[in-house]
Amino acid sequence: CPSLLVIMHVAYREAKEQRHRATHGDDYHCIYPNPG
């Protein structure tokens, strides 16, 4: 089960990064350059 939590946390970071990119366009500042 803890492995699932790690995967979910990484997926949350990736989704947050995608939302930030969609909001600020191509010139956005990366929140998580490497989500993993």
PDB file of all heavy atoms in Angstrom:
ATOM      1  N   CYS A   1       0.808  -1.225   0.000  1.00  0.00           N
ATOM      2  CA  CYS A   1       0.000   0.000   0.000  1.00  0.00           C
ATOM      3  C   CYS A   1       0.844   1.279   0.000  1.00  0.00           C
ATOM      4  O   CYS A   1       0.498   2.243  -0.696  1.00  0.00           O
ATOM      5  CB  CYS A   1      -0.949   0.004   1.184  1.00  0.00           C
ATOM      6  SG  CYS A   1      -2.365  -1.098   0.985  1.00  0.00           S
ATOM      7  N   PRO A   2       1.940   1.368   0.783  1.00  0.00           N
ATOM      8  CA  PRO A   2       2.753   2.592   0.737  1.00  0.00           C
ATOM      9  C   PRO A   2       3.296   2.915  -0.647  1.00  0.00           C
ATOM     10  O   PRO A   2       3.470   4.095  -0.981  1.00  0.00           O
ATOM     11  CB  PRO A   2       3.895   2.293   1.719  1.00  0.00           C
ATOM     12  CG  PRO A   2       3.327   1.292   2.656  1.00  0.00           C
ATOM     13  CD  PRO A   2       2.420   0.441   1.829  1.00  0.00           C
ATOM     14  N   SER A   3       3.555   1.884  -1.458  1.00  0.00           N
ATOM     15  CA  SER A   3       4.012   2.140  -2.826  1.00  0.00           C
ATOM     16  C   SER A   3       2.944   2.875  -3.621  1.00  0.00           C
ATOM     17  O   SER A   3       3.248   3.738  -4.457  1.00  0.00           O
ATOM     18  CB  SER A   3       4.355   0.812  -3.513  1.00  0.00           C
ATOM     19  OG  SER A   3       5.386   0.143  -2.819  1.00  0.00           O
ATOM     20  N   LEU A   4       1.679   2.551  -3.355  1.00  0.00           N
ATOM     21  CA  LEU A   4       0.582   3.263  -4.015  1.00  0.00           C
ATOM     22  C   LEU A   4       0.566   4.731  -3.618  1.00  0.00           C
ATOM     23  O   LEU A   4       0.302   5.609  -4.451  1.00  0.00           O
ATOM     24  CB  LEU A   4      -0.743   2.599  -3.658  1.00  0.00           C
ATOM     25  CG  LEU A   4      -2.017   3.245  -4.203  1.00  0.00           C
ATOM     26  CD1 LEU A   4      -1.991   3.247  -5.728  1.00  0.00           C
ATOM     27  CD2 LEU A   4      -3.248   2.523  -3.685  1.00  0.00           C
ATOM     28  N   LEU A   5       0.869   5.040  -2.364  1.00  0.00           N
ATOM     29  CA  LEU A   5       0.896   6.433  -1.913  1.00  0.00           C
ATOM     30  C   LEU A   5       1.984   7.220  -2.636  1.00  0.00           C
ATOM     31  O   LEU A   5       1.781   8.379  -2.998  1.00  0.00           O
ATOM     32  CB  LEU A   5       1.120   6.479  -0.405  1.00  0.00           C
ATOM     33  CG  LEU A   5       0.004   5.924   0.475  1.00  0.00           C
ATOM     34  CD1 LEU A   5       0.401   6.000   1.944  1.00  0.00           C
ATOM     35  CD2 LEU A   5      -1.290   6.689   0.242  1.00  0.00           C
ATOM     36  N   VAL A   6       3.146   6.595  -2.841  1.00  0.00           N
ATOM     37  CA  VAL A   6       4.235   7.269  -3.557  1.00  0.00           C
ATOM     38  C   VAL A   6       3.809   7.576  -4.985  1.00  0.00           C
ATOM     39  O   VAL A   6       4.020   8.685  -5.497  1.00  0.00           O
ATOM     40  CB  VAL A   6       5.506   6.405  -3.531  1.00  0.00           C
ATOM     41  CG1 VAL A   6       6.598   7.029  -4.393  1.00  0.00           C
ATOM     42  CG2 VAL A   6       6.011   6.233  -2.102  1.00  0.00           C
ATOM     43  N   ILE A   7       3.204   6.589  -5.659  1.00  0.00           N
ATOM     44  CA  ILE A   7       2.752   6.791  -7.031  1.00  0.00           C
ATOM     45  C   ILE A   7       1.692   7.891  -7.101  1.00  0.00           C
ATOM     46  O   ILE A   7       1.707   8.736  -8.006  1.00  0.00           O
ATOM     47  CB  ILE A   7       2.211   5.475  -7.609  1.00  0.00           C
ATOM     48  CG1 ILE A   7       3.331   4.452  -7.749  1.00  0.00           C
ATOM     49  CG2 ILE A   7       1.549   5.706  -8.967  1.00  0.00           C
ATOM     50  CD1 ILE A   7       2.863   3.100  -8.219  1.00  0.00           C
ATOM     51  N   MET A   8       0.770   7.893  -6.140  1.00  0.00           N
ATOM     52  CA  MET A   8      -0.275   8.916  -6.129  1.00  0.00           C
ATOM     53  C   MET A   8       0.312  10.305  -5.894  1.00  0.00           C
ATOM     54  O   MET A   8      -0.158  11.290  -6.488  1.00  0.00           O
ATOM     55  CB  MET A   8      -1.301   8.581  -5.048  1.00  0.00           C
ATOM     56  CG  MET A   8      -2.146   7.362  -5.348  1.00  0.00           C
ATOM     57  SD  MET A   8      -3.259   6.918  -3.992  1.00  0.00           S
ATOM     58  CE  MET A   8      -4.278   8.379  -3.897  1.00  0.00           C
ATOM     59  N   HIS A   9       1.335  10.398  -5.054  1.00  0.00           N
ATOM     60  CA  HIS A   9       1.959  11.693  -4.802  1.00  0.00           C
ATOM     61  C   HIS A   9       2.652  12.211  -6.063  1.00  0.00           C
ATOM     62  O   HIS A   9       2.555  13.400  -6.398  1.00  0.00           O
ATOM     63  CB  HIS A   9       2.962  11.570  -3.659  1.00  0.00           C
ATOM     64  CG  HIS A   9       3.334  12.885  -3.060  1.00  0.00           C
ATOM     65  ND1 HIS A   9       3.663  13.050  -1.732  1.00  0.00           N
ATOM     66  CD2 HIS A   9       3.443  14.141  -3.604  1.00  0.00           C
ATOM     67  CE1 HIS A   9       3.942  14.320  -1.493  1.00  0.00           C
ATOM     68  NE2 HIS A   9       3.827  14.997  -2.612  1.00  0.00           N
ATOM     69  N   VAL A  10       3.339  11.325  -6.769  1.00  0.00           N
ATOM     70  CA  VAL A  10       3.995  11.737  -8.025  1.00  0.00           C
ATOM     71  C   VAL A  10       2.942  12.143  -9.052  1.00  0.00           C
ATOM     72  O   VAL A  10       3.115  13.143  -9.773  1.00  0.00           O
ATOM     73  CB  VAL A  10       4.881  10.598  -8.559  1.00  0.00           C
ATOM     74  CG1 VAL A  10       5.454  10.965  -9.931  1.00  0.00           C
ATOM     75  CG2 VAL A  10       6.022  10.298  -7.589  1.00  0.00           C
ATOM     76  N   ALA A  11       1.845  11.380  -9.134  1.00  0.00           N
ATOM     77  CA  ALA A  11       0.773  11.727 -10.074  1.00  0.00           C
ATOM     78  C   ALA A  11       0.155  13.077  -9.725  1.00  0.00           C
ATOM     79  O   ALA A  11      -0.187  13.870 -10.623  1.00  0.00           O
ATOM     80  CB  ALA A  11      -0.293  10.637 -10.059  1.00  0.00           C
ATOM     81  N   TYR A  12       0.032  13.372  -8.438  1.00  0.00           N
ATOM     82  CA  TYR A  12      -0.482  14.677  -8.010  1.00  0.00           C
ATOM     83  C   TYR A  12       0.449  15.797  -8.458  1.00  0.00           C
ATOM     84  O   TYR A  12       0.001  16.846  -8.952  1.00  0.00           O
ATOM     85  CB  TYR A  12      -0.646  14.696  -6.497  1.00  0.00           C
ATOM     86  CG  TYR A  12      -0.859  16.074  -5.915  1.00  0.00           C
ATOM     87  CD1 TYR A  12      -2.096  16.704  -6.007  1.00  0.00           C
ATOM     88  CD2 TYR A  12       0.190  16.750  -5.292  1.00  0.00           C
ATOM     89  CE1 TYR A  12      -2.278  17.973  -5.482  1.00  0.00           C
ATOM     90  CE2 TYR A  12       0.018  18.019  -4.764  1.00  0.00           C
ATOM     91  CZ  TYR A  12      -1.223  18.624  -4.864  1.00  0.00           C
ATOM     92  OH  TYR A  12      -1.399  19.895  -4.354  1.00  0.00           O
ATOM     93  N   ARG A  13       1.743  15.591  -8.314  1.00  0.00           N
ATOM     94  CA  ARG A  13       2.714  16.600  -8.762  1.00  0.00           C
ATOM     95  C   ARG A  13       2.621  16.824 -10.265  1.00  0.00           C
ATOM     96  O   ARG A  13       2.657  17.971 -10.744  1.00  0.00           O
ATOM     97  CB  ARG A  13       4.132  16.152  -8.400  1.00  0.00           C
ATOM     98  CG  ARG A  13       4.509  16.361  -6.938  1.00  0.00           C
ATOM     99  CD  ARG A  13       5.963  16.022  -6.710  1.00  0.00           C
ATOM    100  NE  ARG A  13       6.462  16.555  -5.458  1.00  0.00           N
ATOM    101  CZ  ARG A  13       7.749  16.599  -5.134  1.00  0.00           C
ATOM    102  NH1 ARG A  13       8.661  16.115  -5.980  1.00  0.00           N
ATOM    103  NH2 ARG A  13       8.132  17.104  -3.985  1.00  0.00           N
ATOM    104  N   GLU A  14       2.525  15.732 -11.012  1.00  0.00           N
ATOM    105  CA  GLU A  14       2.448  15.856 -12.468  1.00  0.00           C
ATOM    106  C   GLU A  14       1.174  16.583 -12.891  1.00  0.00           C
ATOM    107  O   GLU A  14       1.204  17.422 -13.800  1.00  0.00           O
ATOM    108  CB  GLU A  14       2.512  14.466 -13.103  1.00  0.00           C
ATOM    109  CG  GLU A  14       3.864  13.778 -12.939  1.00  0.00           C
ATOM    110  CD  GLU A  14       3.853  12.361 -13.452  1.00  0.00           C
ATOM    111  OE1 GLU A  14       2.734  11.822 -13.680  1.00  0.00           O
ATOM    112  OE2 GLU A  14       4.941  11.766 -13.621  1.00  0.00           O
ATOM    113  N   ALA A  15       0.050  16.267 -12.241  1.00  0.00           N
ATOM    114  CA  ALA A  15      -1.208  16.944 -12.576  1.00  0.00           C
ATOM    115  C   ALA A  15      -1.145  18.427 -12.215  1.00  0.00           C
ATOM    116  O   ALA A  15      -1.635  19.287 -12.967  1.00  0.00           O
ATOM    117  CB  ALA A  15      -2.369  16.270 -11.837  1.00  0.00           C
ATOM    118  N   LYS A  16      -0.528  18.756 -11.089  1.00  0.00           N
ATOM    119  CA  LYS A  16      -0.387  20.155 -10.686  1.00  0.00           C
ATOM    120  C   LYS A  16       0.496  20.910 -11.673  1.00  0.00           C
ATOM    121  O   LYS A  16       0.218  22.063 -12.015  1.00  0.00           O
ATOM    122  CB  LYS A  16       0.199  20.226  -9.281  1.00  0.00           C
ATOM    123  CG  LYS A  16       0.249  21.634  -8.699  1.00  0.00           C
ATOM    124  CD  LYS A  16       0.740  21.606  -7.260  1.00  0.00           C
ATOM    125  CE  LYS A  16       0.764  23.010  -6.654  1.00  0.00           C
ATOM    126  NZ  LYS A  16       1.234  22.985  -5.247  1.00  0.00           N
ATOM    127  N   GLU A  17       1.551  20.257 -12.144  1.00  0.00           N
ATOM    128  CA  GLU A  17       2.440  20.880 -13.128  1.00  0.00           C
ATOM    129  C   GLU A  17       1.708  21.134 -14.441  1.00  0.00           C
ATOM    130  O   GLU A  17       1.879  22.196 -15.073  1.00  0.00           O
ATOM    131  CB  GLU A  17       3.652  19.970 -13.361  1.00  0.00           C
ATOM    132  CG  GLU A  17       4.720  20.546 -14.282  1.00  0.00           C
ATOM    133  CD  GLU A  17       5.473  21.698 -13.653  1.00  0.00           C
ATOM    134  OE1 GLU A  17       5.494  21.806 -12.408  1.00  0.00           O
ATOM    135  OE2 GLU A  17       6.024  22.509 -14.416  1.00  0.00           O
ATOM    136  N   GLN A  18       0.860  20.198 -14.857  1.00  0.00           N
ATOM    137  CA  GLN A  18       0.099  20.379 -16.090  1.00  0.00           C
ATOM    138  C   GLN A  18      -0.903  21.512 -15.969  1.00  0.00           C
ATOM    139  O   GLN A  18      -1.084  22.305 -16.905  1.00  0.00           O
ATOM    140  CB  GLN A  18      -0.602  19.072 -16.454  1.00  0.00           C
ATOM    141  CG  GLN A  18       0.345  17.961 -16.896  1.00  0.00           C
ATOM    142  CD  GLN A  18      -0.382  16.669 -17.187  1.00  0.00           C
ATOM    143  OE1 GLN A  18      -1.597  16.577 -17.013  1.00  0.00           O
ATOM    144  NE2 GLN A  18       0.362  15.660 -17.621  1.00  0.00           N
ATOM    145  N   ARG A  19      -1.581  21.612 -14.826  1.00  0.00           N
ATOM    146  CA  ARG A  19      -2.525  22.715 -14.626  1.00  0.00           C
ATOM    147  C   ARG A  19      -1.808  24.056 -14.619  1.00  0.00           C
ATOM    148  O   ARG A  19      -2.304  25.050 -15.182  1.00  0.00           O
ATOM    149  CB  ARG A  19      -3.289  22.517 -13.310  1.00  0.00           C
ATOM    150  CG  ARG A  19      -4.265  21.359 -13.319  1.00  0.00           C
ATOM    151  CD  ARG A  19      -5.235  21.453 -12.140  1.00  0.00           C
ATOM    152  NE  ARG A  19      -4.526  21.457 -10.867  1.00  0.00           N
ATOM    153  CZ  ARG A  19      -4.268  20.359 -10.163  1.00  0.00           C
ATOM    154  NH1 ARG A  19      -4.643  19.164 -10.622  1.00  0.00           N
ATOM    155  NH2 ARG A  19      -3.645  20.441  -9.005  1.00  0.00           N
ATOM    156  N   HIS A  20      -0.637  24.104 -14.001  1.00  0.00           N
ATOM    157  CA  HIS A  20       0.132  25.343 -13.969  1.00  0.00           C
ATOM    158  C   HIS A  20       0.576  25.736 -15.373  1.00  0.00           C
ATOM    159  O   HIS A  20       0.547  26.925 -15.738  1.00  0.00           O
ATOM    160  CB  HIS A  20       1.351  25.159 -13.058  1.00  0.00           C
ATOM    161  CG  HIS A  20       2.136  26.406 -12.835  1.00  0.00           C
ATOM    162  ND1 HIS A  20       1.679  27.460 -12.060  1.00  0.00           N
ATOM    163  CD2 HIS A  20       3.367  26.792 -13.297  1.00  0.00           C
ATOM    164  CE1 HIS A  20       2.579  28.421 -12.057  1.00  0.00           C
ATOM    165  NE2 HIS A  20       3.612  28.044 -12.785  1.00  0.00           N
ATOM    166  N   ARG A  21       0.957  24.752 -16.172  1.00  0.00           N
ATOM    167  CA  ARG A  21       1.376  25.038 -17.553  1.00  0.00           C
ATOM    168  C   ARG A  21       0.203  25.533 -18.386  1.00  0.00           C
ATOM    169  O   ARG A  21       0.338  26.464 -19.185  1.00  0.00           O
ATOM    170  CB  ARG A  21       1.960  23.762 -18.176  1.00  0.00           C
ATOM    171  CG  ARG A  21       2.460  23.952 -19.605  1.00  0.00           C
ATOM    172  CD  ARG A  21       2.832  22.617 -20.219  1.00  0.00           C
ATOM    173  NE  ARG A  21       3.798  21.913 -19.373  1.00  0.00           N
ATOM    174  CZ  ARG A  21       4.143  20.642 -19.558  1.00  0.00           C
ATOM    175  NH1 ARG A  21       3.555  19.933 -20.519  1.00  0.00           N
ATOM    176  NH2 ARG A  21       5.041  20.077 -18.775  1.00  0.00           N
ATOM    177  N   ALA A  22      -0.962  24.917 -18.196  1.00  0.00           N
ATOM    178  CA  ALA A  22      -2.138  25.335 -18.958  1.00  0.00           C
ATOM    179  C   ALA A  22      -2.579  26.748 -18.575  1.00  0.00           C
ATOM    180  O   ALA A  22      -3.099  27.492 -19.412  1.00  0.00           O
ATOM    181  CB  ALA A  22      -3.282  24.346 -18.724  1.00  0.00           C
ATOM    182  N   THR A  23      -2.357  27.132 -17.323  1.00  0.00           N
ATOM    183  CA  THR A  23      -2.786  28.456 -16.858  1.00  0.00           C
ATOM    184  C   THR A  23      -1.845  29.557 -17.329  1.00  0.00           C
ATOM    185  O   THR A  23      -2.288  30.643 -17.747  1.00  0.00           O
ATOM    186  CB  THR A  23      -2.864  28.469 -15.322  1.00  0.00           C
ATOM    187  OG1 THR A  23      -3.770  27.456 -14.890  1.00  0.00           O
ATOM    188  CG2 THR A  23      -3.350  29.830 -14.826  1.00  0.00           C
ATOM    189  N   HIS A  24      -0.529  29.314 -17.320  1.00  0.00           N
ATOM    190  CA  HIS A  24       0.450  30.362 -17.584  1.00  0.00           C
ATOM    191  C   HIS A  24       1.082  30.273 -18.966  1.00  0.00           C
ATOM    192  O   HIS A  24       1.928  31.102 -19.313  1.00  0.00           O
ATOM    193  CB  HIS A  24       1.561  30.316 -16.525  1.00  0.00           C
ATOM    194  CG  HIS A  24       1.080  30.611 -15.139  1.00  0.00           C
ATOM    195  ND1 HIS A  24       0.526  29.648 -14.314  1.00  0.00           N
ATOM    196  CD2 HIS A  24       1.046  31.770 -14.424  1.00  0.00           C
ATOM    197  CE1 HIS A  24       0.187  30.187 -13.155  1.00  0.00           C
ATOM    198  NE2 HIS A  24       0.476  31.477 -13.195  1.00  0.00           N
ATOM    199  N   GLY A  25       0.708  29.304 -19.775  1.00  0.00           N
ATOM    200  CA  GLY A  25       1.243  29.226 -21.127  1.00  0.00           C
ATOM    201  C   GLY A  25       2.658  28.662 -21.177  1.00  0.00           C
ATOM    202  O   GLY A  25       3.148  28.053 -20.221  1.00  0.00           O
ATOM    203  N   ASP A  26       3.328  28.908 -22.303  1.00  0.00           N
ATOM    204  CA  ASP A  26       4.656  28.325 -22.516  1.00  0.00           C
ATOM    205  C   ASP A  26       5.749  28.989 -21.679  1.00  0.00           C
ATOM    206  O   ASP A  26       6.806  28.384 -21.453  1.00  0.00           O
ATOM    207  CB  ASP A  26       5.039  28.425 -24.000  1.00  0.00           C
ATOM    208  CG  ASP A  26       4.110  27.594 -24.883  1.00  0.00           C
ATOM    209  OD1 ASP A  26       3.554  26.609 -24.355  1.00  0.00           O
ATOM    210  OD2 ASP A  26       3.949  27.941 -26.065  1.00  0.00           O
ATOM    211  N   ASP A  27       5.547  30.195 -21.233  1.00  0.00           N
ATOM    212  CA  ASP A  27       6.578  30.909 -20.472  1.00  0.00           C
ATOM    213  C   ASP A  27       6.408  30.740 -18.964  1.00  0.00           C
ATOM    214  O   ASP A  27       6.781  31.609 -18.184  1.00  0.00           O
ATOM    215  CB  ASP A  27       6.534  32.406 -20.822  1.00  0.00           C
ATOM    216  CG  ASP A  27       6.867  32.648 -22.285  1.00  0.00           C
ATOM    217  OD1 ASP A  27       7.626  31.832 -22.858  1.00  0.00           O
ATOM    218  OD2 ASP A  27       6.368  33.635 -22.843  1.00  0.00           O
ATOM    219  N   TYR A  28       5.841  29.637 -18.552  1.00  0.00           N
ATOM    220  CA  TYR A  28       5.589  29.430 -17.130  1.00  0.00           C
ATOM    221  C   TYR A  28       6.869  28.957 -16.439  1.00  0.00           C
ATOM    222  O   TYR A  28       7.796  28.446 -17.069  1.00  0.00           O
ATOM    223  CB  TYR A  28       4.482  28.406 -16.937  1.00  0.00           C
ATOM    224  CG  TYR A  28       4.911  26.983 -17.152  1.00  0.00           C
ATOM    225  CD1 TYR A  28       5.144  26.126 -16.078  1.00  0.00           C
ATOM    226  CD2 TYR A  28       5.098  26.489 -18.451  1.00  0.00           C
ATOM    227  CE1 TYR A  28       5.549  24.823 -16.278  1.00  0.00           C
ATOM    228  CE2 TYR A  28       5.503  25.181 -18.655  1.00  0.00           C
ATOM    229  CZ  TYR A  28       5.722  24.357 -17.567  1.00  0.00           C
ATOM    230  OH  TYR A  28       6.127  23.067 -17.775  1.00  0.00           O
ATOM    231  N   HIS A  29       6.899  29.148 -15.128  1.00  0.00           N
ATOM    232  CA  HIS A  29       8.013  28.662 -14.313  1.00  0.00           C
ATOM    233  C   HIS A  29       7.649  27.296 -13.729  1.00  0.00           C
ATOM    234  O   HIS A  29       6.591  27.136 -13.125  1.00  0.00           O
ATOM    235  CB  HIS A  29       8.309  29.641 -13.169  1.00  0.00           C
ATOM    236  CG  HIS A  29       9.383  29.165 -12.234  1.00  0.00           C
ATOM    237  ND1 HIS A  29      10.705  29.095 -12.595  1.00  0.00           N
ATOM    238  CD2 HIS A  29       9.294  28.707 -10.946  1.00  0.00           C
ATOM    239  CE1 HIS A  29      11.408  28.626 -11.573  1.00  0.00           C
ATOM    240  NE2 HIS A  29      10.569  28.383 -10.557  1.00  0.00           N
ATOM    241  N   CYS A  30       8.489  26.305 -13.945  1.00  0.00           N
ATOM    242  CA  CYS A  30       8.210  24.939 -13.496  1.00  0.00           C
ATOM    243  C   CYS A  30       8.107  24.877 -11.969  1.00  0.00           C
ATOM    244  O   CYS A  30       8.995  25.365 -11.267  1.00  0.00           O
ATOM    245  CB  CYS A  30       9.306  23.974 -13.963  1.00  0.00           C
ATOM    246  SG  CYS A  30       9.303  23.686 -15.745  1.00  0.00           S
ATOM    247  N   ILE A  31       7.034  24.278 -11.503  1.00  0.00           N
ATOM    248  CA  ILE A  31       6.907  24.026 -10.067  1.00  0.00           C
ATOM    249  C   ILE A  31       7.727  22.799  -9.688  1.00  0.00           C
ATOM    250  O   ILE A  31       8.457  22.803  -8.698  1.00  0.00           O
ATOM    251  CB  ILE A  31       5.430  23.812  -9.693  1.00  0.00           C
ATOM    252  CG1 ILE A  31       4.577  25.012 -10.101  1.00  0.00           C
ATOM    253  CG2 ILE A  31       5.291  23.557  -8.187  1.00  0.00           C
ATOM    254  CD1 ILE A  31       3.096  24.815  -9.845  1.00  0.00           C
ATOM    255  N   TYR A  32       7.606  21.772 -10.507  1.00  0.00           N
ATOM    256  CA  TYR A  32       8.351  20.524 -10.273  1.00  0.00           C
ATOM    257  C   TYR A  32       9.084  20.151 -11.559  1.00  0.00           C
ATOM    258  O   TYR A  32       8.515  19.488 -12.434  1.00  0.00           O
ATOM    259  CB  TYR A  32       7.407  19.388  -9.872  1.00  0.00           C
ATOM    260  CG  TYR A  32       6.562  19.679  -8.667  1.00  0.00           C
ATOM    261  CD1 TYR A  32       5.187  19.884  -8.792  1.00  0.00           C
ATOM    262  CD2 TYR A  32       7.122  19.740  -7.398  1.00  0.00           C
ATOM    263  CE1 TYR A  32       4.403  20.142  -7.685  1.00  0.00           C
ATOM    264  CE2 TYR A  32       6.346  20.008  -6.283  1.00  0.00           C
ATOM    265  CZ  TYR A  32       4.984  20.208  -6.435  1.00  0.00           C
ATOM    266  OH  TYR A  32       4.208  20.469  -5.333  1.00  0.00           O
ATOM    267  N   PRO A  33      10.336  20.617 -11.728  1.00  0.00           N
ATOM    268  CA  PRO A  33      11.097  20.232 -12.926  1.00  0.00           C
ATOM    269  C   PRO A  33      11.183  18.718 -13.095  1.00  0.00           C
ATOM    270  O   PRO A  33      11.158  18.203 -14.205  1.00  0.00           O
ATOM    271  CB  PRO A  33      12.479  20.843 -12.673  1.00  0.00           C
ATOM    272  CG  PRO A  33      12.234  21.954 -11.701  1.00  0.00           C
ATOM    273  CD  PRO A  33      11.110  21.493 -10.841  1.00  0.00           C
ATOM    274  N   ASN A  34      11.277  18.002 -11.973  1.00  0.00           N
ATOM    275  CA  ASN A  34      11.294  16.541 -11.993  1.00  0.00           C
ATOM    276  C   ASN A  34      10.319  16.047 -10.931  1.00  0.00           C
ATOM    277  O   ASN A  34      10.679  15.916  -9.762  1.00  0.00           O
ATOM    278  CB  ASN A  34      12.704  16.010 -11.730  1.00  0.00           C
ATOM    279  CG  ASN A  34      12.787  14.497 -11.848  1.00  0.00           C
ATOM    280  OD1 ASN A  34      11.796  13.830 -12.162  1.00  0.00           O
ATOM    281  ND2 ASN A  34      13.956  13.956 -11.586  1.00  0.00           N
ATOM    282  N   PRO A  35       9.061  15.760 -11.321  1.00  0.00           N
ATOM    283  CA  PRO A  35       8.051  15.395 -10.315  1.00  0.00           C
ATOM    284  C   PRO A  35       8.410  14.159  -9.498  1.00  0.00           C
ATOM    285  O   PRO A  35       7.956  14.010  -8.366  1.00  0.00           O
ATOM    286  CB  PRO A  35       6.791  15.133 -11.163  1.00  0.00           C
ATOM    287  CG  PRO A  35       7.018  15.903 -12.424  1.00  0.00           C
ATOM    288  CD  PRO A  35       8.498  15.853 -12.676  1.00  0.00           C
ATOM    289  N   GLY A  36       9.230  13.270 -10.064  1.00  0.00           N
ATOM    290  CA  GLY A  36       9.584  12.053  -9.353  1.00  0.00           C
ATOM    291  C   GLY A  36      10.783  12.187  -8.443  1.00  0.00           C
ATOM    292  O   GLY A  36      11.153  11.222  -7.765  1.00  0.00           O
TER     293      GLY A  36
END
